[in-house]
C-alpha atoms as a PDB file:
ATOM      1  CA  MET A   1     -21.660  73.448 -19.668  1.00  0.00           C
ATOM      2  CA  GLY A   2     -18.941  71.177 -18.844  1.00  0.00           C
ATOM      3  CA  THR A   3     -19.111  67.301 -19.462  1.00  0.00           C
ATOM      4  CA  GLU A   4     -19.813  64.721 -16.764  1.00  0.00           C
ATOM      5  CA  SER A   5     -15.949  63.746 -17.253  1.00  0.00           C
ATOM      6  CA  ASN A   6     -14.458  66.871 -16.559  1.00  0.00           C
ATOM      7  CA  SER A   7     -16.330  67.448 -13.346  1.00  0.00           C
ATOM      8  CA  PRO A   8     -13.542  67.759 -10.291  1.00  0.00           C
ATOM      9  CA  GLY A   9     -15.228  64.641  -8.804  1.00  0.00           C
ATOM     10  CA  ILE A  10     -14.504  62.207 -11.456  1.00  0.00           C
ATOM     11  CA  ALA A  11     -11.139  64.359 -12.026  1.00  0.00           C
ATOM     12  CA  ASP A  12     -10.110  63.587  -8.477  1.00  0.00           C
ATOM     13  CA  LEU A  13     -11.243  60.136  -8.700  1.00  0.00           C
ATOM     14  CA  ARG A  14      -9.286  59.613 -11.674  1.00  0.00           C
ATOM     15  CA  SER A  15      -6.402  60.931  -9.751  1.00  0.00           C
ATOM     16  CA  ARG A  16      -6.549  58.714  -7.025  1.00  0.00           C
ATOM     17  CA  ILE A  17      -6.778  55.895  -8.770  1.00  0.00           C
ATOM     18  CA  LEU A  18      -3.484  56.511 -10.875  1.00  0.00           C
ATOM     19  CA  SER A  19      -2.096  57.508  -7.943  1.00  0.00           C
ATOM     20  CA  ALA A  20      -2.423  54.017  -6.374  1.00  0.00           C
ATOM     21  CA  ALA A  21      -2.077  51.942  -9.685  1.00  0.00           C
ATOM     22  CA  SER A  22       1.706  52.910  -9.804  1.00  0.00           C
ATOM     23  CA  THR A  23       2.971  50.629  -7.651  1.00  0.00           C
ATOM     24  CA  PRO A  24       0.649  47.255  -7.757  1.00  0.00           C
ATOM     25  CA  LYS A  25      -0.483  46.916  -3.928  1.00  0.00           C
ATOM     26  CA  TRP A  26      -3.415  44.261  -4.119  1.00  0.00           C
ATOM     27  CA  SER A  27      -3.661  40.335  -5.169  1.00  0.00           C
ATOM     28  CA  THR A  28      -7.265  39.044  -5.557  1.00  0.00           C
ATOM     29  CA  PRO A  29     -10.417  40.919  -7.065  1.00  0.00           C
ATOM     30  CA  ASP A  30     -11.546  41.256  -3.212  1.00  0.00           C
ATOM     31  CA  ASP A  31      -8.791  43.343  -2.441  1.00  0.00           C
ATOM     32  CA  LEU A  32      -8.936  45.728  -5.017  1.00  0.00           C
ATOM     33  CA  SER A  33     -12.359  46.249  -4.752  1.00  0.00           C
ATOM     34  CA  ARG A  34     -11.914  47.200  -1.299  1.00  0.00           C
ATOM     35  CA  MET A  35      -9.172  49.517  -1.482  1.00  0.00           C
ATOM     36  CA  SER A  36     -11.050  51.558  -4.293  1.00  0.00           C
ATOM     37  CA  PHE A  37     -13.965  51.984  -1.964  1.00  0.00           C
ATOM     38  CA  GLU A  38     -11.092  52.804   1.169  1.00  0.00           C
ATOM     39  CA  ALA A  39      -9.449  55.009  -1.379  1.00  0.00           C
ATOM     40  CA  LEU A  40     -13.207  57.173  -2.224  1.00  0.00           C
ATOM     41  CA  THR A  41     -13.838  57.596   1.739  1.00  0.00           C
ATOM     42  CA  THR A  42     -10.296  58.193   2.882  1.00  0.00           C
ATOM     43  CA  ARG A  43      -9.999  62.211   3.856  1.00  0.00           C
ATOM     44  CA  SER A  44      -6.874  63.784   1.923  1.00  0.00           C
ATOM     45  CA  GLU A  45      -5.827  65.079   5.713  1.00  0.00           C
ATOM     46  CA  GLY A  46      -6.002  64.007   9.229  1.00  0.00           C
ATOM     47  CA  ALA A  47      -5.350  60.510  10.841  1.00  0.00           C
ATOM     48  CA  ARG A  48      -6.832  57.566   9.204  1.00  0.00           C
ATOM     49  CA  GLU A  49     -10.337  56.760   9.915  1.00  0.00           C
ATOM     50  CA  SER A  50     -10.857  53.063   8.814  1.00  0.00           C
ATOM     51  CA  LEU A  51     -10.762  50.327  10.608  1.00  0.00           C
ATOM     52  CA  SER A  52      -8.635  47.102   9.701  1.00  0.00           C
ATOM     53  CA  ASN A  53     -10.242  43.502  10.024  1.00  0.00           C
ATOM     54  CA  GLY A  54      -9.490  39.974   9.969  1.00  0.00           C
ATOM     55  CA  SER A  55     -11.003  36.705  10.527  1.00  0.00           C
ATOM     56  CA  ILE A  56     -10.070  33.164  11.431  1.00  0.00           C
ATOM     57  CA  HIS A  57     -12.166  30.799   9.316  1.00  0.00           C
ATOM     58  CA  LEU A  58     -12.299  26.792  11.396  1.00  0.00           C
ATOM     59  CA  ALA A  59     -13.239  24.269   9.123  1.00  0.00           C
ATOM     60  CA  GLY A  60     -11.852  20.320   9.299  1.00  0.00           C
ATOM     61  CA  GLY A  61     -12.318  17.490  11.573  1.00  0.00           C
ATOM     62  CA  GLY A  62     -12.878  19.676  14.134  1.00  0.00           C
ATOM     63  CA  VAL A  63     -16.292  21.339  12.444  1.00  0.00           C
ATOM     64  CA  SER A  64     -19.573  20.121  11.791  1.00  0.00           C
ATOM     65  CA  GLY A  65     -22.016  21.813   9.482  1.00  0.00           C
ATOM     66  CA  SER A  66     -21.237  25.341  11.368  1.00  0.00           C
ATOM     67  CA  SER A  67     -20.922  24.356  14.435  1.00  0.00           C
ATOM     68  CA  ALA A  68     -17.969  23.909  16.716  1.00  0.00           C
ATOM     69  CA  SER A  69     -17.063  22.576  20.218  1.00  0.00           C
ATOM     70  CA  PHE A  70     -17.273  25.707  22.505  1.00  0.00           C
ATOM     71  CA  SER A  71     -14.444  24.919  24.811  1.00  0.00           C
ATOM     72  CA  ASP A  72     -12.254  24.759  21.405  1.00  0.00           C
ATOM     73  CA  VAL A  73     -13.358  27.750  19.813  1.00  0.00           C
ATOM     74  CA  GLY A  74     -13.066  29.672  23.265  1.00  0.00           C
ATOM     75  CA  ASP A  75      -9.604  28.595  23.336  1.00  0.00           C
ATOM     76  CA  VAL A  76      -8.765  29.469  19.750  1.00  0.00           C
ATOM     77  CA  MET A  77      -9.872  32.903  20.377  1.00  0.00           C
ATOM     78  CA  LYS A  78      -7.981  32.999  24.039  1.00  0.00           C
ATOM     79  CA  ASN A  79      -4.776  32.149  22.802  1.00  0.00           C
ATOM     80  CA  PHE A  80      -4.739  34.583  19.414  1.00  0.00           C
ATOM     81  CA  GLN A  81      -5.645  37.237  21.740  1.00  0.00           C
ATOM     82  CA  LYS A  82      -2.188  36.262  23.987  1.00  0.00           C
ATOM     83  CA  LEU A  83      -0.104  35.670  20.544  1.00  0.00           C
ATOM     84  CA  VAL A  84      -1.090  39.180  19.142  1.00  0.00           C
ATOM     85  CA  THR A  85      -0.488  40.833  22.830  1.00  0.00           C
ATOM     86  CA  ALA A  86       2.586  39.068  23.353  1.00  0.00           C
ATOM     87  CA  LEU A  87       3.991  40.226  19.652  1.00  0.00           C
ATOM     88  CA  GLY A  88       2.732  43.902  20.342  1.00  0.00           C
ATOM     89  CA  ALA A  89       5.007  43.380  23.445  1.00  0.00           C
ATOM     90  CA  SER A  90       7.870  42.296  21.967  1.00  0.00           C
ATOM     91  CA  ARG A  91       8.004  45.095  19.557  1.00  0.00           C
ATOM     92  CA  ARG A  92       8.182  47.533  23.237  1.00  0.00           C
ATOM     93  CA  GLY A  93      10.732  45.486  24.774  1.00  0.00           C
ATOM     94  CA  TYR A  94       8.464  43.078  26.845  1.00  0.00           C
ATOM     95  CA  THR A  95      10.122  39.453  25.975  1.00  0.00           C
ATOM     96  CA  ASN A  96      10.927  37.895  29.442  1.00  0.00           C
ATOM     97  CA  LEU A  97       7.638  35.049  30.550  1.00  0.00           C
ATOM     98  CA  LYS A  98       8.277  36.772  34.055  1.00  0.00           C
ATOM     99  CA  GLY A  99       6.593  40.513  34.537  1.00  0.00           C
ATOM    100  CA  LYS A 100       3.386  42.208  33.524  1.00  0.00           C
ATOM    101  CA  ILE A 101       2.690  43.852  30.145  1.00  0.00           C
ATOM    102  CA  ALA A 102       2.573  47.580  30.128  1.00  0.00           C
ATOM    103  CA  ALA A 103      -1.496  48.651  30.374  1.00  0.00           C
ATOM    104  CA  ASP A 104      -0.975  50.344  27.349  1.00  0.00           C
ATOM    105  CA  VAL A 105       0.339  47.264  24.830  1.00  0.00           C
ATOM    106  CA  SER A 106      -2.468  45.522  26.126  1.00  0.00           C
ATOM    107  CA  SER A 107      -5.262  47.707  25.563  1.00  0.00           C
ATOM    108  CA  LEU A 108      -3.857  48.599  21.742  1.00  0.00           C
ATOM    109  CA  THR A 109      -3.519  44.808  20.936  1.00  0.00           C
ATOM    110  CA  ASN A 110      -7.451  44.188  22.117  1.00  0.00           C
ATOM    111  CA  LEU A 111      -9.696  42.676  19.731  1.00  0.00           C
ATOM    112  CA  ARG A 112     -13.316  42.685  19.336  1.00  0.00           C
ATOM    113  CA  LEU A 113     -15.056  39.561  18.011  1.00  0.00           C
ATOM    114  CA  ILE A 114     -17.819  39.795  15.387  1.00  0.00           C
ATOM    115  CA  ALA A 115     -19.289  36.187  14.650  1.00  0.00           C
ATOM    116  CA  SER A 116     -20.631  34.569  11.829  1.00  0.00           C
ATOM    117  CA  PRO A 117     -21.426  31.316  10.348  1.00  0.00           C
ATOM    118  CA  PHE A 118     -20.846  30.107   6.828  1.00  0.00           C
ATOM    119  CA  VAL A 119     -21.946  26.861   5.674  1.00  0.00           C
ATOM    120  CA  GLY A 120     -19.700  23.980   6.658  1.00  0.00           C
ATOM    121  CA  SER A 121     -17.339  26.336   8.886  1.00  0.00           C
ATOM    122  CA  VAL A 122     -17.104  28.383  11.799  1.00  0.00           C
ATOM    123  CA  VAL A 123     -16.019  32.241  10.718  1.00  0.00           C
ATOM    124  CA  LEU A 124     -14.674  34.763  13.776  1.00  0.00           C
ATOM    125  CA  ASP A 125     -14.318  38.203  12.306  1.00  0.00           C
ATOM    126  CA  PHE A 126     -12.340  40.400  14.546  1.00  0.00           C
ATOM    127  CA  MET A 127     -11.394  44.080  14.513  1.00  0.00           C
ATOM    128  CA  PRO A 128      -8.777  45.948  16.968  1.00  0.00           C
ATOM    129  CA  ASP A 129     -10.631  47.293  19.794  1.00  0.00           C
ATOM    130  CA  ILE A 130      -9.653  50.851  19.558  1.00  0.00           C
ATOM    131  CA  HIS A 131     -10.333  52.954  16.625  1.00  0.00           C
ATOM    132  CA  PRO A 132      -7.272  54.337  14.914  1.00  0.00           C
ATOM    133  CA  SER A 133      -7.735  57.620  14.981  1.00  0.00           C
ATOM    134  CA  GLU A 134      -7.449  57.279  18.951  1.00  0.00           C
ATOM    135  CA  GLU A 135      -4.283  55.531  18.499  1.00  0.00           C
ATOM    136  CA  LEU A 136      -2.775  57.377  15.615  1.00  0.00           C
ATOM    137  CA  SER A 137      -4.113  61.064  16.362  1.00  0.00           C
ATOM    138  CA  PRO A 138      -5.295  61.125  20.043  1.00  0.00           C
ATOM    139  CA  GLY A 139      -6.986  64.055  21.246  1.00  0.00           C
ATOM    140  CA  GLY A 140      -7.689  65.254  17.899  1.00  0.00           C
ATOM    141  CA  GLN A 141      -3.966  66.205  17.285  1.00  0.00           C
ATOM    142  CA  PRO A 142      -3.191  67.258  13.325  1.00  0.00           C
ATOM    143  CA  ALA A 143      -1.270  64.881  11.374  1.00  0.00           C
ATOM    144  CA  ILE A 144       2.357  65.281  11.273  1.00  0.00           C
ATOM    145  CA  LEU A 145       4.966  64.408   8.821  1.00  0.00           C
ATOM    146  CA  ASP A 146       5.866  60.618   8.587  1.00  0.00           C
ATOM    147  CA  GLN A 147       2.849  60.265  11.654  1.00  0.00           C
ATOM    148  CA  PRO A 148       2.581  56.156  11.740  1.00  0.00           C
ATOM    149  CA  THR A 149      -0.490  55.116   9.909  1.00  0.00           C
ATOM    150  CA  GLU A 150      -0.716  51.186  11.047  1.00  0.00           C
ATOM    151  CA  GLN A 151      -2.064  50.581  14.414  1.00  0.00           C
ATOM    152  CA  LEU A 152       0.145  48.522  17.302  1.00  0.00           C
ATOM    153  CA  SER A 153      -2.520  45.658  16.137  1.00  0.00           C
ATOM    154  CA  ASP A 154      -1.909  45.756  12.737  1.00  0.00           C
ATOM    155  CA  THR A 155       1.631  45.227  13.178  1.00  0.00           C
ATOM    156  CA  ALA A 156       0.919  42.199  15.467  1.00  0.00           C
ATOM    157  CA  VAL A 157      -1.415  40.699  13.971  1.00  0.00           C
ATOM    158  CA  SER A 158       0.174  40.399  10.566  1.00  0.00           C
ATOM    159  CA  GLU A 159       3.301  39.441  12.492  1.00  0.00           C
ATOM    160  CA  ALA A 160       1.348  36.497  13.649  1.00  0.00           C
ATOM    161  CA  LEU A 161       0.246  35.406  10.200  1.00  0.00           C
ATOM    162  CA  GLU A 162       3.851  35.701   8.826  1.00  0.00           C
ATOM    163  CA  ILE A 163       4.921  33.479  11.560  1.00  0.00           C
ATOM    164  CA  LEU A 164       2.529  30.698  11.284  1.00  0.00           C
ATOM    165  CA  GLU A 165       2.978  30.946   7.375  1.00  0.00           C
ATOM    166  CA  SER A 166       6.709  30.657   7.684  1.00  0.00           C
ATOM    167  CA  ILE A 167       6.179  27.135   8.990  1.00  0.00           C
ATOM    168  CA  LYS A 168       5.305  25.989   5.512  1.00  0.00           C
ATOM    169  CA  GLU A 169       8.754  26.460   4.609  1.00  0.00           C
ATOM    170  CA  VAL A 170      10.608  24.308   7.089  1.00  0.00           C
ATOM    171  CA  GLY A 171      12.424  21.426   5.551  1.00  0.00           C
ATOM    172  CA  PRO A 172      14.032  18.153   7.429  1.00  0.00           C
ATOM    173  CA  ASP A 173      16.228  19.990   9.423  1.00  0.00           C
ATOM    174  CA  ALA A 174      14.260  22.958  11.129  1.00  0.00           C
ATOM    175  CA  ASP A 175      17.178  24.344  12.311  1.00  0.00           C
ATOM    176  CA  GLY A 176      18.387  27.856  10.417  1.00  0.00           C
ATOM    177  CA  SER A 177      14.686  28.108   8.902  1.00  0.00           C
ATOM    178  CA  GLU A 178      13.065  31.518   9.138  1.00  0.00           C
ATOM    179  CA  PHE A 179      10.462  30.151  11.272  1.00  0.00           C
ATOM    180  CA  LEU A 180      12.843  29.340  13.994  1.00  0.00           C
ATOM    181  CA  ALA A 181      14.749  32.333  13.637  1.00  0.00           C
ATOM    182  CA  SER A 182      11.190  34.762  13.719  1.00  0.00           C
ATOM    183  CA  VAL A 183      10.090  33.174  17.247  1.00  0.00           C
ATOM    184  CA  SER A 184      13.521  33.396  18.770  1.00  0.00           C
ATOM    185  CA  ALA A 185      13.888  37.034  17.932  1.00  0.00           C
ATOM    186  CA  ARG A 186      10.764  37.557  19.770  1.00  0.00           C
ATOM    187  CA  GLY A 187      11.881  36.052  23.222  1.00  0.00           C
ATOM    188  CA  PRO A 188       9.981  33.469  25.226  1.00  0.00           C
ATOM    189  CA  ARG A 189       6.770  35.380  26.110  1.00  0.00           C
ATOM    190  CA  ALA A 190       6.120  35.607  22.178  1.00  0.00           C
ATOM    191  CA  ALA A 191       6.761  31.648  21.286  1.00  0.00           C
ATOM    192  CA  THR A 192       4.596  30.572  24.353  1.00  0.00           C
ATOM    193  CA  ALA A 193       1.912  32.147  22.669  1.00  0.00           C
ATOM    194  CA  VAL A 194       2.654  31.051  19.393  1.00  0.00           C
ATOM    195  CA  ARG A 195       2.995  27.316  20.958  1.00  0.00           C
ATOM    196  CA  ASP A 196      -0.540  27.447  22.683  1.00  0.00           C
ATOM    197  CA  PHE A 197      -2.247  28.879  19.516  1.00  0.00           C
ATOM    198  CA  ALA A 198      -0.789  26.543  17.436  1.00  0.00           C
ATOM    199  CA  ARG A 199      -1.294  23.563  20.220  1.00  0.00           C
ATOM    200  CA  THR A 200      -4.790  25.133  20.163  1.00  0.00           C
ATOM    201  CA  LEU A 201      -5.534  24.666  16.438  1.00  0.00           C
ATOM    202  CA  ALA A 202      -4.314  21.010  16.325  1.00  0.00           C
ATOM    203  CA  ALA A 203      -6.372  19.675  19.702  1.00  0.00           C
ATOM    204  CA  GLY A 204      -9.204  21.285  18.077  1.00  0.00           C
ATOM    205  CA  ASP A 205      -8.744  19.405  14.814  1.00  0.00           C
ATOM    206  CA  PHE A 206      -9.085  22.419  13.184  1.00  0.00           C
ATOM    207  CA  GLU A 207      -8.072  23.537   9.341  1.00  0.00           C
ATOM    208  CA  THR A 208      -7.425  27.366   9.843  1.00  0.00           C
ATOM    209  CA  ASP A 209      -7.898  29.890   7.476  1.00  0.00           C
ATOM    210  CA  LEU A 210      -6.662  33.403   9.087  1.00  0.00           C
ATOM    211  CA  SER A 211      -6.883  36.936   6.677  1.00  0.00           C
ATOM    212  CA  TRP A 212      -6.050  40.378   7.963  1.00  0.00           C
ATOM    213  CA  ARG A 213      -7.079  43.574   5.897  1.00  0.00           C
ATOM    214  CA  ILE A 214      -5.565  46.988   6.835  1.00  0.00           C
ATOM    215  CA  PRO A 215      -6.813  49.421   4.192  1.00  0.00           C
ATOM    216  CA  GLY A 216      -4.445  50.852   1.511  1.00  0.00           C
ATOM    217  CA  ARG A 217      -2.657  46.830   1.957  1.00  0.00           C
ATOM    218  CA  THR A 218      -3.230  43.778   0.420  1.00  0.00           C
ATOM    219  CA  THR A 219      -4.951  40.904   2.294  1.00  0.00           C
ATOM    220  CA  ILE A 220      -2.164  38.974   4.616  1.00  0.00           C
ATOM    221  CA  ARG A 221      -3.425  35.441   4.617  1.00  0.00           C
ATOM    222  CA  THR A 222      -2.069  32.055   5.643  1.00  0.00           C
ATOM    223  CA  ILE A 223      -4.091  28.668   6.049  1.00  0.00           C
ATOM    224  CA  LEU A 224      -2.825  26.056   8.480  1.00  0.00           C
ATOM    225  CA  THR A 225      -3.843  22.917   8.533  1.00  0.00           C
ATOM    226  CA  SER A 226      -3.815  20.869  12.016  1.00  0.00           C
ATOM    227  CA  SER A 227      -0.885  18.556  11.194  1.00  0.00           C
ATOM    228  CA  GLN A 228       1.068  22.064  10.662  1.00  0.00           C
ATOM    229  CA  ALA A 229      -0.230  23.387  13.943  1.00  0.00           C
ATOM    230  CA  ASP A 230       0.986  20.581  15.599  1.00  0.00           C
ATOM    231  CA  HIS A 231       4.318  20.977  13.849  1.00  0.00           C
ATOM    232  CA  ILE A 232       4.410  24.484  15.161  1.00  0.00           C
ATOM    233  CA  SER A 233       4.174  23.601  18.897  1.00  0.00           C
ATOM    234  CA  ARG A 234       6.291  20.660  18.548  1.00  0.00           C
ATOM    235  CA  LEU A 235       8.919  22.676  17.389  1.00  0.00           C
ATOM    236  CA  ILE A 236       8.989  25.380  19.841  1.00  0.00           C
ATOM    237  CA  VAL A 237       8.535  22.964  22.974  1.00  0.00           C
ATOM    238  CA  ASN A 238      11.785  20.657  21.017  1.00  0.00           C
ATOM    239  CA  ARG A 239      13.817  23.968  20.650  1.00  0.00           C
ATOM    240  CA  GLU A 240      12.553  24.880  24.292  1.00  0.00           C
ATOM    241  CA  LEU A 241      12.231  28.473  22.605  1.00  0.00           C
ATOM    242  CA  ASP A 242       9.322  28.665  25.313  1.00  0.00           C
ATOM    243  CA  LYS A 243      11.772  28.586  28.552  1.00  0.00           C
ATOM    244  CA  ASP A 244      12.688  31.669  29.909  1.00  0.00           C
ATOM    245  CA  GLU A 245      15.761  31.969  32.591  1.00  0.00           C
ATOM    246  CA  THR A 246      15.072  34.412  35.796  1.00  0.00           C
ATOM    247  CA  SER A 247      15.411  34.494  39.567  1.00  0.00           C
ATOM    248  CA  ILE A 248      13.203  34.073  42.724  1.00  0.00           C
ATOM    249  CA  GLU A 249      14.188  35.611  45.808  1.00  0.00           C
ATOM    250  CA  GLY A 250      12.614  35.437  48.877  1.00  0.00           C
ATOM    251  CA  VAL A 251      12.273  32.850  52.016  1.00  0.00           C
ATOM    252  CA  LEU A 252      12.093  29.360  51.873  1.00  0.00           C
ATOM    253  CA  ARG A 253       9.058  27.791  53.671  1.00  0.00           C
ATOM    254  CA  THR A 254      10.112  23.895  52.631  1.00  0.00           C
ATOM    255  CA  VAL A 255      13.099  22.051  52.219  1.00  0.00           C
ATOM    256  CA  SER A 256      12.385  18.692  50.410  1.00  0.00           C
ATOM    257  CA  ASP A 257      14.849  16.669  48.115  1.00  0.00           C
ATOM    258  CA  LEU A 258      11.329  14.853  47.019  1.00  0.00           C
ATOM    259  CA  SER A 259       8.425  17.208  46.689  1.00  0.00           C
ATOM    260  CA  ALA A 260       8.927  20.935  45.541  1.00  0.00           C
ATOM    261  CA  LEU A 261      10.765  23.630  47.271  1.00  0.00           C
ATOM    262  CA  TYR A 262       8.166  26.599  48.164  1.00  0.00           C
ATOM    263  CA  VAL A 263      10.027  30.136  48.719  1.00  0.00           C
ATOM    264  CA  GLN A 264       7.554  32.895  50.116  1.00  0.00           C
ATOM    265  CA  THR A 265       8.186  36.249  47.510  1.00  0.00           C
ATOM    266  CA  ASP A 266       6.191  39.816  47.942  1.00  0.00           C
ATOM    267  CA  GLU A 267       4.119  38.469  45.628  1.00  0.00           C
ATOM    268  CA  GLY A 268       2.870  35.198  47.270  1.00  0.00           C
ATOM    269  CA  LEU A 269       4.399  31.421  47.449  1.00  0.00           C
ATOM    270  CA  GLU A 270       6.240  30.024  44.647  1.00  0.00           C
ATOM    271  CA  SER A 271       6.486  26.392  44.080  1.00  0.00           C
ATOM    272  CA  ILE A 272       9.852  25.276  42.750  1.00  0.00           C
ATOM    273  CA  ASP A 273      11.215  22.085  41.489  1.00  0.00           C
ATOM    274  CA  GLY A 274      13.692  21.554  43.071  1.00  0.00           C
ATOM    275  CA  LYS A 275      15.130  17.973  41.452  1.00  0.00           C
ATOM    276  CA  ASP A 276      17.849  19.328  39.465  1.00  0.00           C
ATOM    277  CA  LEU A 277      20.109  20.992  42.764  1.00  0.00           C
ATOM    278  CA  PRO A 278      22.890  18.993  44.176  1.00  0.00           C
ATOM    279  CA  PRO A 279      22.494  17.038  47.486  1.00  0.00           C
ATOM    280  CA  GLU A 280      24.807  19.325  48.843  1.00  0.00           C
ATOM    281  CA  VAL A 281      22.855  22.322  48.622  1.00  0.00           C
ATOM    282  CA  ILE A 282      19.196  20.554  49.591  1.00  0.00           C
ATOM    283  CA  ALA A 283      21.272  19.511  53.062  1.00  0.00           C
ATOM    284  CA  ALA A 284      22.330  23.068  53.437  1.00  0.00           C
ATOM    285  CA  ALA A 285      19.157  24.532  53.141  1.00  0.00           C
ATOM    286  CA  HIS A 286      17.209  25.374  56.157  1.00  0.00           C
ATOM    287  CA  VAL A 287      13.396  26.986  56.748  1.00  0.00           C
ATOM    288  CA  GLN A 288      13.328  30.358  56.565  1.00  0.00           C
ATOM    289  CA  ALA A 289      16.570  30.683  54.991  1.00  0.00           C
ATOM    290  CA  ARG A 290      16.123  33.563  52.817  1.00  0.00           C
ATOM    291  CA  VAL A 291      17.343  32.832  48.970  1.00  0.00           C
ATOM    292  CA  ARG A 292      17.968  33.742  45.371  1.00  0.00           C
ATOM    293  CA  VAL A 293      16.901  30.820  43.363  1.00  0.00           C
ATOM    294  CA  ARG A 294      18.194  30.845  39.403  1.00  0.00           C
ATOM    295  CA  VAL A 295      15.056  28.909  37.679  1.00  0.00           C
ATOM    296  CA  GLU A 296      14.123  27.816  34.165  1.00  0.00           C
ATOM    297  CA  MET A 297      10.655  29.174  33.423  1.00  0.00           C
ATOM    298  CA  THR A 298       7.915  28.064  31.567  1.00  0.00           C
ATOM    299  CA  ILE A 299       4.214  28.629  31.379  1.00  0.00           C
ATOM    300  CA  GLN A 300       1.902  25.860  31.141  1.00  0.00           C
ATOM    301  CA  GLN A 301      -1.707  26.042  29.840  1.00  0.00           C
ATOM    302  CA  ARG A 302      -4.579  24.025  32.233  1.00  0.00           C
ATOM    303  CA  PRO A 303      -7.748  23.255  30.649  1.00  0.00           C
ATOM    304  CA  GLY A 304     -10.129  26.093  30.205  1.00  0.00           C
ATOM    305  CA  GLY A 305      -6.824  28.305  28.901  1.00  0.00           C
ATOM    306  CA  ILE A 306      -5.315  28.978  32.795  1.00  0.00           C
ATOM    307  CA  ASP A 307      -1.548  29.666  32.179  1.00  0.00           C
ATOM    308  CA  VAL A 308       0.043  28.400  35.380  1.00  0.00           C
ATOM    309  CA  PRO A 309       4.236  29.580  35.744  1.00  0.00           C
ATOM    310  CA  LYS A 310       6.351  26.122  36.275  1.00  0.00           C
ATOM    311  CA  TYR A 311       9.947  26.887  38.166  1.00  0.00           C
ATOM    312  CA  ARG A 312      12.790  24.123  37.584  1.00  0.00           C
ATOM    313  CA  ALA A 313      15.630  25.243  39.668  1.00  0.00           C
ATOM    314  CA  LEU A 314      19.026  25.691  38.212  1.00  0.00           C
ATOM    315  CA  SER A 315      21.213  26.970  41.264  1.00  0.00           C
ATOM    316  CA  MET A 316      20.390  28.323  44.656  1.00  0.00           C
ATOM    317  CA  GLU A 317      22.247  30.938  46.525  1.00  0.00           C
ATOM    318  CA  PHE A 318      21.508  31.904  50.552  1.00  0.00           C
ATOM    319  CA  LEU A 319      21.757  35.537  51.001  1.00  0.00           C
END
């Protein structure tokens, strides 16, 4: 009769533990406990089944007991989702402010909320909206060599936390910092999303603890004070990383050197600040003229989290 230590189950468990221990992948006891459980429940073949999960832990002046402003928390959730989607879109080549993100990028980066209270703070637990098997092995396709093990939401949330964490390395001279380089490399759409999320945390006076746990990986975590969040948004605005250049083509509906120019496009009526155009360009313009206006575009957020595009004319060409 074989001993318990020689049973196939124990031998398999020992093999998995030794395999995982060859390269340390955990940094806290919670990581080790979670990853040990994941090793026991993970299938040796096929697509990944375990879900990633994360949390946004809000404390600070914006929290009283285990409650916070409904509006402020809503803005945090909306802008974090926008940040994750923007970073996922950046990896697929969608970096400009103008234009829509592909539907599959939005669906693959959607997060689902699981809310829970914690004494003295508010905790927002979240996870991907799409199960990993649906994304990594659609239609039940068999596993292939070098098949991805991370969802797009894994990559996007991880990047978000790494960007936010990098603000702590910014000294008195921010130019040349890893933070500015990371934000700039991902384009104005992502920069705007980082700006708005950080601005929301600062406005809500939150001290924010964000974490993300991918099965088999160490927890990614960053803790931001409201002043660090404010520093993030100000740096992006001051370095104009949230600005994009694009063009608007259509028919002039108004001409004025005092108020906005209105251009009728296929998408609707666009309001453009034309105060920086040369006087001779305004004088030569007339209603019903077809024009192409080169503009500087930013996205401003109104109360309630409504995004509104703003355009400033750089030049105007008559077609």
